[in-house]
PDB file of N, CA and C in Angstrom:
ATOM      1  N   MET A   1      68.904  80.605  96.799  1.00  0.00           N
ATOM      2  CA  MET A   1      69.631  81.572  97.421  1.00  0.00           C
ATOM      3  C   MET A   1      69.626  81.332  98.889  1.00  0.00           C
ATOM      4  N   PRO A   2      70.971  81.390  99.400  1.00  0.00           N
ATOM      5  CA  PRO A   2      71.428  80.722 100.982  1.00  0.00           C
ATOM      6  C   PRO A   2      70.519  81.232 102.268  1.00  0.00           C
ATOM      7  N   ASP A   3      69.829  80.676 102.897  1.00  0.00           N
ATOM      8  CA  ASP A   3      68.980  81.120 104.158  1.00  0.00           C
ATOM      9  C   ASP A   3      69.820  82.454 104.619  1.00  0.00           C
ATOM     10  N   SER A   4      71.167  82.113 104.935  1.00  0.00           N
ATOM     11  CA  SER A   4      71.799  83.432 105.972  1.00  0.00           C
ATOM     12  C   SER A   4      71.682  84.589 105.086  1.00  0.00           C
ATOM     13  N   ALA A   5      71.971  84.560 103.841  1.00  0.00           N
ATOM     14  CA  ALA A   5      72.062  85.607 102.840  1.00  0.00           C
ATOM     15  C   ALA A   5      70.474  86.430 103.321  1.00  0.00           C
ATOM     16  N   CYS A   6      69.698  86.209 103.993  1.00  0.00           N
ATOM     17  CA  CYS A   6      68.409  87.000 103.815  1.00  0.00           C
ATOM     18  C   CYS A   6      68.565  87.796 105.166  1.00  0.00           C
ATOM     19  N   THR A   7      69.368  87.371 106.068  1.00  0.00           N
ATOM     20  CA  THR A   7      69.282  88.483 107.104  1.00  0.00           C
ATOM     21  C   THR A   7      70.546  89.475 107.069  1.00  0.00           C
ATOM     22  N   VAL A   8      71.328  89.334 106.055  1.00  0.00           N
ATOM     23  CA  VAL A   8      72.570  89.944 105.770  1.00  0.00           C
ATOM     24  C   VAL A   8      72.137  91.167 105.445  1.00  0.00           C
ATOM     25  N   ARG A   9      72.651  92.341 106.145  1.00  0.00           N
ATOM     26  CA  ARG A   9      72.294  93.935 105.735  1.00  0.00           C
ATOM     27  C   ARG A   9      73.722  94.753 105.398  1.00  0.00           C
ATOM     28  N   ILE A  10      73.932  95.786 104.572  1.00  0.00           N
ATOM     29  CA  ILE A  10      74.839  96.768 104.294  1.00  0.00           C
ATOM     30  C   ILE A  10      74.113  97.730 104.420  1.00  0.00           C
ATOM     31  N   VAL A  11      74.766  98.541 105.429  1.00  0.00           N
ATOM     32  CA  VAL A  11      73.975 100.036 105.904  1.00  0.00           C
ATOM     33  C   VAL A  11      75.383 101.086 105.319  1.00  0.00           C
ATOM     34  N   LEU A  12      74.603 102.017 104.781  1.00  0.00           N
ATOM     35  CA  LEU A  12      75.802 103.079 104.201  1.00  0.00           C
ATOM     36  C   LEU A  12      75.479 104.519 105.397  1.00  0.00           C
ATOM     37  N   THR A  13      76.575 104.970 105.407  1.00  0.00           N
ATOM     38  CA  THR A  13      76.470 105.999 106.168  1.00  0.00           C
ATOM     39  C   THR A  13      77.882 106.853 105.890  1.00  0.00           C
ATOM     40  N   THR A  14      77.999 108.275 106.186  1.00  0.00           N
ATOM     41  CA  THR A  14      78.795 109.187 105.750  1.00  0.00           C
ATOM     42  C   THR A  14      79.457 109.510 107.121  1.00  0.00           C
ATOM     43  N   ALA A  15      80.755 109.981 106.856  1.00  0.00           N
ATOM     44  CA  ALA A  15      81.527 110.999 108.369  1.00  0.00           C
ATOM     45  C   ALA A  15      82.089 112.007 107.885  1.00  0.00           C
ATOM     46  N   SER A  16      82.320 112.924 108.463  1.00  0.00           N
ATOM     47  CA  SER A  16      82.886 114.329 108.238  1.00  0.00           C
ATOM     48  C   SER A  16      84.534 114.066 107.974  1.00  0.00           C
ATOM     49  N   SER A  17      85.188 113.232 108.197  1.00  0.00           N
ATOM     50  CA  SER A  17      86.696 112.802 108.221  1.00  0.00           C
ATOM     51  C   SER A  17      86.974 111.370 108.301  1.00  0.00           C
ATOM     52  N   ALA A  18      88.193 111.167 107.834  1.00  0.00           N
ATOM     53  CA  ALA A  18      88.664 109.780 107.774  1.00  0.00           C
ATOM     54  C   ALA A  18      88.899 109.096 109.400  1.00  0.00           C
ATOM     55  N   GLU A  19      89.227 110.152 110.264  1.00  0.00           N
ATOM     56  CA  GLU A  19      89.406 110.132 111.497  1.00  0.00           C
ATOM     57  C   GLU A  19      87.867 109.690 112.519  1.00  0.00           C
ATOM     58  N   GLU A  20      86.745 110.325 112.142  1.00  0.00           N
ATOM     59  CA  GLU A  20      85.741 110.148 112.443  1.00  0.00           C
ATOM     60  C   GLU A  20      84.947 108.594 112.190  1.00  0.00           C
ATOM     61  N   ALA A  21      85.233 108.610 110.910  1.00  0.00           N
ATOM     62  CA  ALA A  21      84.708 107.285 109.817  1.00  0.00           C
ATOM     63  C   ALA A  21      85.333 105.665 110.852  1.00  0.00           C
ATOM     64  N   GLN A  22      86.915 106.234 111.136  1.00  0.00           N
ATOM     65  CA  GLN A  22      87.702 104.804 111.738  1.00  0.00           C
ATOM     66  C   GLN A  22      86.911 105.072 113.136  1.00  0.00           C
ATOM     67  N   ARG A  23      86.781 105.758 114.044  1.00  0.00           N
ATOM     68  CA  ARG A  23      86.348 105.583 115.294  1.00  0.00           C
ATOM     69  C   ARG A  23      84.677 105.208 115.104  1.00  0.00           C
ATOM     70  N   ILE A  24      83.936 105.606 114.632  1.00  0.00           N
ATOM     71  CA  ILE A  24      82.754 104.758 114.343  1.00  0.00           C
ATOM     72  C   ILE A  24      82.896 103.547 113.959  1.00  0.00           C
ATOM     73  N   ALA A  25      83.522 103.356 113.045  1.00  0.00           N
ATOM     74  CA  ALA A  25      83.695 101.893 112.105  1.00  0.00           C
ATOM     75  C   ALA A  25      84.289 100.871 113.137  1.00  0.00           C
ATOM     76  N   ARG A  26      85.328 101.306 113.605  1.00  0.00           N
ATOM     77  CA  ARG A  26      86.140 100.214 115.118  1.00  0.00           C
ATOM     78  C   ARG A  26      85.226 100.049 115.869  1.00  0.00           C
ATOM     79  N   THR A  27      84.393 100.703 116.633  1.00  0.00           N
ATOM     80  CA  THR A  27      83.407 101.001 117.712  1.00  0.00           C
ATOM     81  C   THR A  27      82.311 100.122 117.494  1.00  0.00           C
ATOM     82  N   LEU A  28      81.530 100.066 116.270  1.00  0.00           N
ATOM     83  CA  LEU A  28      80.439  99.330 115.662  1.00  0.00           C
ATOM     84  C   LEU A  28      81.090  97.746 115.775  1.00  0.00           C
ATOM     85  N   VAL A  29      82.426  97.692 115.030  1.00  0.00           N
ATOM     86  CA  VAL A  29      82.858  96.209 115.356  1.00  0.00           C
ATOM     87  C   VAL A  29      82.788  95.923 116.582  1.00  0.00           C
ATOM     88  N   GLU A  30      83.694  96.751 117.428  1.00  0.00           N
ATOM     89  CA  GLU A  30      83.983  96.244 118.585  1.00  0.00           C
ATOM     90  C   GLU A  30      82.980  95.744 119.406  1.00  0.00           C
ATOM     91  N   GLU A  31      81.769  96.447 119.073  1.00  0.00           N
ATOM     92  CA  GLU A  31      80.339  96.163 119.852  1.00  0.00           C
ATOM     93  C   GLU A  31      79.680  95.120 119.302  1.00  0.00           C
ATOM     94  N   ARG A  32      80.052  94.481 118.296  1.00  0.00           N
ATOM     95  CA  ARG A  32      79.507  93.447 117.513  1.00  0.00           C
ATOM     96  C   ARG A  32      78.027  94.056 116.885  1.00  0.00           C
ATOM     97  N   LEU A  33      78.031  95.048 116.671  1.00  0.00           N
ATOM     98  CA  LEU A  33      76.715  95.210 116.019  1.00  0.00           C
ATOM     99  C   LEU A  33      77.345  95.408 114.160  1.00  0.00           C
ATOM    100  N   ALA A  34      78.556  95.230 114.159  1.00  0.00           N
ATOM    101  CA  ALA A  34      79.031  95.283 112.664  1.00  0.00           C
ATOM    102  C   ALA A  34      79.876  93.992 112.629  1.00  0.00           C
ATOM    103  N   ALA A  35      79.939  93.171 111.919  1.00  0.00           N
ATOM    104  CA  ALA A  35      80.993  92.102 111.495  1.00  0.00           C
ATOM    105  C   ALA A  35      82.211  92.780 110.655  1.00  0.00           C
ATOM    106  N   CYS A  36      81.924  93.622 109.928  1.00  0.00           N
ATOM    107  CA  CYS A  36      82.998  94.354 109.144  1.00  0.00           C
ATOM    108  C   CYS A  36      82.326  95.685 108.923  1.00  0.00           C
ATOM    109  N   THR A  37      83.445  96.759 108.661  1.00  0.00           N
ATOM    110  CA  THR A  37      83.219  98.127 107.855  1.00  0.00           C
ATOM    111  C   THR A  37      84.398  98.150 106.950  1.00  0.00           C
ATOM    112  N   THR A  38      84.014  98.974 106.210  1.00  0.00           N
ATOM    113  CA  THR A  38      84.746  98.818 104.960  1.00  0.00           C
ATOM    114  C   THR A  38      84.825 101.027 104.899  1.00  0.00           C
ATOM    115  N   ILE A  39      85.897 101.472 105.030  1.00  0.00           N
ATOM    116  CA  ILE A  39      85.878 102.883 104.934  1.00  0.00           C
ATOM    117  C   ILE A  39      86.440 103.542 103.453  1.00  0.00           C
ATOM    118  N   LEU A  40      85.798 104.230 102.721  1.00  0.00           N
ATOM    119  CA  LEU A  40      86.375 104.544 101.511  1.00  0.00           C
ATOM    120  C   LEU A  40      86.552 106.257 101.990  1.00  0.00           C
ATOM    121  N   PRO A  41      87.665 106.478 102.061  1.00  0.00           N
ATOM    122  CA  PRO A  41      87.998 107.886 102.767  1.00  0.00           C
ATOM    123  C   PRO A  41      87.807 109.156 101.827  1.00  0.00           C
ATOM    124  N   ALA A  42      87.522 108.922 100.648  1.00  0.00           N
ATOM    125  CA  ALA A  42      87.752 110.407  99.429  1.00  0.00           C
ATOM    126  C   ALA A  42      86.440 110.125  98.767  1.00  0.00           C
ATOM    127  N   ALA A  43      85.204 110.559  99.381  1.00  0.00           N
ATOM    128  CA  ALA A  43      83.782 110.808  98.495  1.00  0.00           C
ATOM    129  C   ALA A  43      83.355 112.359  98.811  1.00  0.00           C
ATOM    130  N   LEU A  44      82.910 112.967  98.163  1.00  0.00           N
ATOM    131  CA  LEU A  44      82.263 114.082  97.849  1.00  0.00           C
ATOM    132  C   LEU A  44      81.093 113.995  97.668  1.00  0.00           C
ATOM    133  N   SER A  45      80.115 114.747  98.666  1.00  0.00           N
ATOM    134  CA  SER A  45      78.796 114.674  98.713  1.00  0.00           C
ATOM    135  C   SER A  45      78.052 116.236  98.407  1.00  0.00           C
ATOM    136  N   ILE A  46      77.192 115.819  97.663  1.00  0.00           N
ATOM    137  CA  ILE A  46      76.943 117.380  97.276  1.00  0.00           C
ATOM    138  C   ILE A  46      75.182 117.075  97.487  1.00  0.00           C
ATOM    139  N   TYR A  47      74.531 117.915  98.268  1.00  0.00           N
ATOM    140  CA  TYR A  47      73.293 117.774  99.192  1.00  0.00           C
ATOM    141  C   TYR A  47      72.818 119.018  99.552  1.00  0.00           C
ATOM    142  N   ARG A  48      70.890 118.817  99.649  1.00  0.00           N
ATOM    143  CA  ARG A  48      70.720 119.981 100.196  1.00  0.00           C
ATOM    144  C   ARG A  48      70.184 120.123 101.603  1.00  0.00           C
ATOM    145  N   TRP A  49      70.671 121.276 102.103  1.00  0.00           N
ATOM    146  CA  TRP A  49      70.991 121.278 103.861  1.00  0.00           C
ATOM    147  C   TRP A  49      70.434 122.849 104.349  1.00  0.00           C
ATOM    148  N   HIS A  50      68.880 122.711 104.811  1.00  0.00           N
ATOM    149  CA  HIS A  50      68.457 123.841 105.085  1.00  0.00           C
ATOM    150  C   HIS A  50      67.971 124.758 104.062  1.00  0.00           C
ATOM    151  N   GLY A  51      67.776 124.338 102.749  1.00  0.00           N
ATOM    152  CA  GLY A  51      67.411 125.180 101.691  1.00  0.00           C
ATOM    153  C   GLY A  51      68.497 125.516 100.723  1.00  0.00           C
ATOM    154  N   GLU A  52      69.707 125.276 101.121  1.00  0.00           N
ATOM    155  CA  GLU A  52      70.871 125.747 100.478  1.00  0.00           C
ATOM    156  C   GLU A  52      71.652 124.515  99.449  1.00  0.00           C
ATOM    157  N   ILE A  53      71.923 124.319  98.650  1.00  0.00           N
ATOM    158  CA  ILE A  53      72.483 123.144  98.098  1.00  0.00           C
ATOM    159  C   ILE A  53      74.282 123.325  98.817  1.00  0.00           C
ATOM    160  N   GLU A  54      74.783 122.370  99.270  1.00  0.00           N
ATOM    161  CA  GLU A  54      75.830 122.158  99.888  1.00  0.00           C
ATOM    162  C   GLU A  54      76.740 121.065  99.284  1.00  0.00           C
ATOM    163  N   SER A  55      78.185 121.115  99.692  1.00  0.00           N
ATOM    164  CA  SER A  55      79.089 120.010  99.248  1.00  0.00           C
ATOM    165  C   SER A  55      80.034 119.986 100.317  1.00  0.00           C
ATOM    166  N   ALA A  56      80.432 118.702 100.743  1.00  0.00           N
ATOM    167  CA  ALA A  56      81.654 118.249 101.903  1.00  0.00           C
ATOM    168  C   ALA A  56      82.320 116.879 101.411  1.00  0.00           C
ATOM    169  N   HIS A  57      83.395 117.164 101.838  1.00  0.00           N
ATOM    170  CA  HIS A  57      84.335 115.766 101.313  1.00  0.00           C
ATOM    171  C   HIS A  57      83.933 115.248 102.805  1.00  0.00           C
ATOM    172  N   GLU A  58      83.710 113.832 102.546  1.00  0.00           N
ATOM    173  CA  GLU A  58      83.278 112.840 103.611  1.00  0.00           C
ATOM    174  C   GLU A  58      83.947 111.531 103.119  1.00  0.00           C
ATOM    175  N   SER A  59      83.829 110.510 104.024  1.00  0.00           N
ATOM    176  CA  SER A  59      83.984 109.466 104.496  1.00  0.00           C
ATOM    177  C   SER A  59      83.430 108.527 104.348  1.00  0.00           C
ATOM    178  N   LEU A  60      82.873 107.359 103.331  1.00  0.00           N
ATOM    179  CA  LEU A  60      81.770 106.561 103.232  1.00  0.00           C
ATOM    180  C   LEU A  60      82.194 105.135 104.391  1.00  0.00           C
ATOM    181  N   ILE A  61      81.237 104.853 104.525  1.00  0.00           N
ATOM    182  CA  ILE A  61      81.523 103.530 105.322  1.00  0.00           C
ATOM    183  C   ILE A  61      80.410 102.658 104.902  1.00  0.00           C
ATOM    184  N   LEU A  62      80.562 101.519 104.613  1.00  0.00           N
ATOM    185  CA  LEU A  62      79.887 100.696 104.335  1.00  0.00           C
ATOM    186  C   LEU A  62      80.002  99.509 105.581  1.00  0.00           C
ATOM    187  N   ILE A  63      78.638  99.162 106.173  1.00  0.00           N
ATOM    188  CA  ILE A  63      78.885  98.015 107.362  1.00  0.00           C
ATOM    189  C   ILE A  63      77.738  97.208 107.239  1.00  0.00           C
ATOM    190  N   LYS A  64      78.610  95.969 107.212  1.00  0.00           N
ATOM    191  CA  LYS A  64      78.275  94.773 107.330  1.00  0.00           C
ATOM    192  C   LYS A  64      77.535  94.361 108.583  1.00  0.00           C
ATOM    193  N   THR A  65      76.259  93.939 108.493  1.00  0.00           N
ATOM    194  CA  THR A  65      75.542  93.601 109.782  1.00  0.00           C
ATOM    195  C   THR A  65      74.600  92.583 109.620  1.00  0.00           C
ATOM    196  N   SER A  66      73.732  92.156 110.339  1.00  0.00           N
ATOM    197  CA  SER A  66      72.386  91.189 110.106  1.00  0.00           C
ATOM    198  C   SER A  66      71.105  92.151 110.335  1.00  0.00           C
ATOM    199  N   ASN A  67      70.367  91.873 109.957  1.00  0.00           N
ATOM    200  CA  ASN A  67      68.829  92.465 109.783  1.00  0.00           C
ATOM    201  C   ASN A  67      68.260  92.687 111.297  1.00  0.00           C
ATOM    202  N   GLU A  68      68.814  91.520 112.284  1.00  0.00           N
ATOM    203  CA  GLU A  68      68.671  91.215 113.870  1.00  0.00           C
ATOM    204  C   GLU A  68      69.422  92.700 114.675  1.00  0.00           C
ATOM    205  N   ARG A  69      70.366  92.957 113.786  1.00  0.00           N
ATOM    206  CA  ARG A  69      71.367  93.896 114.625  1.00  0.00           C
ATOM    207  C   ARG A  69      70.870  95.609 114.323  1.00  0.00           C
ATOM    208  N   LEU A  70      70.091  95.801 112.931  1.00  0.00           N
ATOM    209  CA  LEU A  70      69.692  97.183 112.637  1.00  0.00           C
ATOM    210  C   LEU A  70      69.028  97.956 113.461  1.00  0.00           C
ATOM    211  N   ALA A  71      68.434  97.627 114.357  1.00  0.00           N
ATOM    212  CA  ALA A  71      67.673  98.860 115.088  1.00  0.00           C
ATOM    213  C   ALA A  71      69.029  99.187 116.525  1.00  0.00           C
ATOM    214  N   ALA A  72      69.739  98.469 117.012  1.00  0.00           N
ATOM    215  CA  ALA A  72      70.635  98.753 117.525  1.00  0.00           C
ATOM    216  C   ALA A  72      71.508  99.639 116.894  1.00  0.00           C
ATOM    217  N   LEU A  73      72.104  99.270 115.867  1.00  0.00           N
ATOM    218  CA  LEU A  73      72.939  99.861 115.044  1.00  0.00           C
ATOM    219  C   LEU A  73      72.762 101.286 114.791  1.00  0.00           C
ATOM    220  N   GLU A  74      71.664 101.296 114.303  1.00  0.00           N
ATOM    221  CA  GLU A  74      70.988 102.755 114.092  1.00  0.00           C
ATOM    222  C   GLU A  74      70.939 103.373 115.408  1.00  0.00           C
ATOM    223  N   GLU A  75      70.575 102.693 116.454  1.00  0.00           N
ATOM    224  CA  GLU A  75      70.907 103.939 117.770  1.00  0.00           C
ATOM    225  C   GLU A  75      72.103 104.080 118.043  1.00  0.00           C
ATOM    226  N   ARG A  76      73.108 103.460 117.774  1.00  0.00           N
ATOM    227  CA  ARG A  76      74.475 103.364 118.512  1.00  0.00           C
ATOM    228  C   ARG A  76      75.110 104.351 117.584  1.00  0.00           C
ATOM    229  N   LEU A  77      74.917 104.387 116.065  1.00  0.00           N
ATOM    230  CA  LEU A  77      75.389 105.096 115.283  1.00  0.00           C
ATOM    231  C   LEU A  77      75.076 106.429 115.381  1.00  0.00           C
ATOM    232  N   HIS A  78      73.707 106.829 115.648  1.00  0.00           N
ATOM    233  CA  HIS A  78      73.141 108.112 116.087  1.00  0.00           C
ATOM    234  C   HIS A  78      74.149 108.792 117.429  1.00  0.00           C
ATOM    235  N   ALA A  79      74.213 107.961 118.160  1.00  0.00           N
ATOM    236  CA  ALA A  79      74.840 108.358 119.365  1.00  0.00           C
ATOM    237  C   ALA A  79      76.263 108.909 119.137  1.00  0.00           C
ATOM    238  N   LEU A  80      76.954 108.127 118.341  1.00  0.00           N
ATOM    239  CA  LEU A  80      78.348 108.157 117.810  1.00  0.00           C
ATOM    240  C   LEU A  80      78.787 109.289 116.989  1.00  0.00           C
ATOM    241  N   HIS A  81      78.061 109.705 116.307  1.00  0.00           N
ATOM    242  CA  HIS A  81      77.847 110.467 115.025  1.00  0.00           C
ATOM    243  C   HIS A  81      77.901 111.948 115.502  1.00  0.00           C
ATOM    244  N   SER A  82      78.785 112.977 114.494  1.00  0.00           N
ATOM    245  CA  SER A  82      78.668 114.228 114.894  1.00  0.00           C
ATOM    246  C   SER A  82      77.708 115.038 114.093  1.00  0.00           C
ATOM    247  N   TYR A  83      77.213 114.500 113.222  1.00  0.00           N
ATOM    248  CA  TYR A  83      75.928 114.946 112.370  1.00  0.00           C
ATOM    249  C   TYR A  83      74.759 114.872 113.022  1.00  0.00           C
ATOM    250  N   ASP A  84      73.792 116.010 112.573  1.00  0.00           N
ATOM    251  CA  ASP A  84      72.382 116.126 113.445  1.00  0.00           C
ATOM    252  C   ASP A  84      71.751 114.871 112.933  1.00  0.00           C
ATOM    253  N   VAL A  85      71.834 114.757 111.301  1.00  0.00           N
ATOM    254  CA  VAL A  85      71.170 113.851 110.487  1.00  0.00           C
ATOM    255  C   VAL A  85      72.080 112.805 109.951  1.00  0.00           C
ATOM    256  N   PRO A  86      72.548 111.876 110.751  1.00  0.00           N
ATOM    257  CA  PRO A  86      73.639 110.826 109.573  1.00  0.00           C
ATOM    258  C   PRO A  86      72.540 110.040 108.740  1.00  0.00           C
ATOM    259  N   GLU A  87      73.433 109.799 107.742  1.00  0.00           N
ATOM    260  CA  GLU A  87      72.989 109.068 106.634  1.00  0.00           C
ATOM    261  C   GLU A  87      72.964 107.482 107.427  1.00  0.00           C
ATOM    262  N   PHE A  88      71.596 106.834 107.267  1.00  0.00           N
ATOM    263  CA  PHE A  88      71.628 105.413 107.615  1.00  0.00           C
ATOM    264  C   PHE A  88      70.596 104.989 106.437  1.00  0.00           C
ATOM    265  N   LEU A  89      71.308 104.591 105.368  1.00  0.00           N
ATOM    266  CA  LEU A  89      70.560 103.369 104.345  1.00  0.00           C
ATOM    267  C   LEU A  89      70.957 101.966 104.342  1.00  0.00           C
ATOM    268  N   VAL A  90      69.729 100.925 104.493  1.00  0.00           N
ATOM    269  CA  VAL A  90      70.163  99.698 104.525  1.00  0.00           C
ATOM    270  C   VAL A  90      70.043  99.128 103.059  1.00  0.00           C
ATOM    271  N   LEU A  91      70.921  98.182 102.574  1.00  0.00           N
ATOM    272  CA  LEU A  91      70.501  97.597 101.504  1.00  0.00           C
ATOM    273  C   LEU A  91      70.643  95.943 101.905  1.00  0.00           C
ATOM    274  N   ASN A  92      69.761  95.475 101.336  1.00  0.00           N
ATOM    275  CA  ASN A  92      69.998  93.648 101.382  1.00  0.00           C
ATOM    276  C   ASN A  92      70.243  93.186 100.682  1.00  0.00           C
ATOM    277  N   VAL A  93      70.872  91.875 101.175  1.00  0.00           N
ATOM    278  CA  VAL A  93      71.869  91.323 100.304  1.00  0.00           C
ATOM    279  C   VAL A  93      71.431  89.754  99.729  1.00  0.00           C
ATOM    280  N   ASP A  94      71.153  89.939  98.665  1.00  0.00           N
ATOM    281  CA  ASP A  94      70.283  88.866  98.145  1.00  0.00           C
ATOM    282  C   ASP A  94      70.827  87.106  98.262  1.00  0.00           C
ATOM    283  N   PHE A  95      72.290  87.772  98.116  1.00  0.00           N
ATOM    284  CA  PHE A  95      73.323  86.221  97.887  1.00  0.00           C
ATOM    285  C   PHE A  95      74.908  86.790  98.236  1.00  0.00           C
ATOM    286  N   GLY A  96      75.272  85.325  98.603  1.00  0.00           N
ATOM    287  CA  GLY A  96      76.883  85.832  99.193  1.00  0.00           C
ATOM    288  C   GLY A  96      77.175  84.304  99.156  1.00  0.00           C
ATOM    289  N   SER A  97      78.699  84.287  99.321  1.00  0.00           N
ATOM    290  CA  SER A  97      79.301  82.729  99.219  1.00  0.00           C
ATOM    291  C   SER A  97      79.150  82.203 100.816  1.00  0.00           C
ATOM    292  N   GLN A  98      78.825  81.241 100.858  1.00  0.00           N
ATOM    293  CA  GLN A  98      78.556  80.352 102.294  1.00  0.00           C
ATOM    294  C   GLN A  98      79.420  80.606 103.508  1.00  0.00           C
ATOM    295  N   THR A  99      80.518  80.518 103.056  1.00  0.00           N
ATOM    296  CA  THR A  99      81.637  80.634 103.850  1.00  0.00           C
ATOM    297  C   THR A  99      81.953  82.273 104.106  1.00  0.00           C
ATOM    298  N   TYR A 100      81.337  83.324 103.603  1.00  0.00           N
ATOM    299  CA  TYR A 100      81.592  84.795 104.413  1.00  0.00           C
ATOM    300  C   TYR A 100      80.533  84.926 105.187  1.00  0.00           C
ATOM    301  N   LEU A 101      79.356  84.355 104.517  1.00  0.00           N
ATOM    302  CA  LEU A 101      77.947  84.468 105.123  1.00  0.00           C
ATOM    303  C   LEU A 101      78.220  83.918 106.540  1.00  0.00           C
ATOM    304  N   ALA A 102      78.561  82.745 106.695  1.00  0.00           N
ATOM    305  CA  ALA A 102      78.856  81.897 108.159  1.00  0.00           C
ATOM    306  C   ALA A 102      80.267  82.871 108.872  1.00  0.00           C
ATOM    307  N   TRP A 103      80.756  83.650 108.171  1.00  0.00           N
ATOM    308  CA  TRP A 103      81.764  84.221 109.198  1.00  0.00           C
ATOM    309  C   TRP A 103      81.217  85.635 109.940  1.00  0.00           C
ATOM    310  N   LEU A 104      80.204  86.196 108.940  1.00  0.00           N
ATOM    311  CA  LEU A 104      79.492  87.513 109.199  1.00  0.00           C
ATOM    312  C   LEU A 104      78.581  87.041 110.205  1.00  0.00           C
ATOM    313  N   GLN A 105      78.234  86.033 110.298  1.00  0.00           N
ATOM    314  CA  GLN A 105      76.904  85.655 111.304  1.00  0.00           C
ATOM    315  C   GLN A 105      77.895  85.505 112.605  1.00  0.00           C
ATOM    316  N   ALA A 106      78.622  84.645 112.670  1.00  0.00           N
ATOM    317  CA  ALA A 106      79.675  84.032 113.624  1.00  0.00           C
ATOM    318  C   ALA A 106      80.136  85.957 114.382  1.00  0.00           C
ATOM    319  N   SER A 107      80.644  86.612 113.734  1.00  0.00           N
ATOM    320  CA  SER A 107      81.194  87.634 114.055  1.00  0.00           C
ATOM    321  C   SER A 107      80.275  88.394 114.622  1.00  0.00           C
ATOM    322  N   LEU A 108      78.903  88.373 114.406  1.00  0.00           N
ATOM    323  CA  LEU A 108      78.400  89.440 115.153  1.00  0.00           C
ATOM    324  C   LEU A 108      77.942  88.517 116.513  1.00  0.00           C
ATOM    325  N   GLN A 109      78.101  87.407 117.032  1.00  0.00           N
ATOM    326  CA  GLN A 109      77.410  86.710 118.361  1.00  0.00           C
ATOM    327  C   GLN A 109      78.377  86.961 119.286  1.00  0.00           C
TER     328      GLN A 109
END
């Protein structure tokens, strides 16, 4: 396993609209908290909120970052987000191409 893959993380979050997702995603890249973001604009979420089953059309954002940026990324995401409790789930990356991983790390510097 390449050493640089050990620090790469993918963060999942959702946004209330494509416009909010684009604003959040662009800001995170501009501030180098994310190397890249990918927006999937047509998600339907079904969840429990205040004891009721709810559903909402949302945009899913995949945020590619490093372990070192996670705390700052989470803090900034909460500041940018319209939700009271924004999703913030972190996935480990076990392997990736060396050239992509090098680009990702360089993009966060």
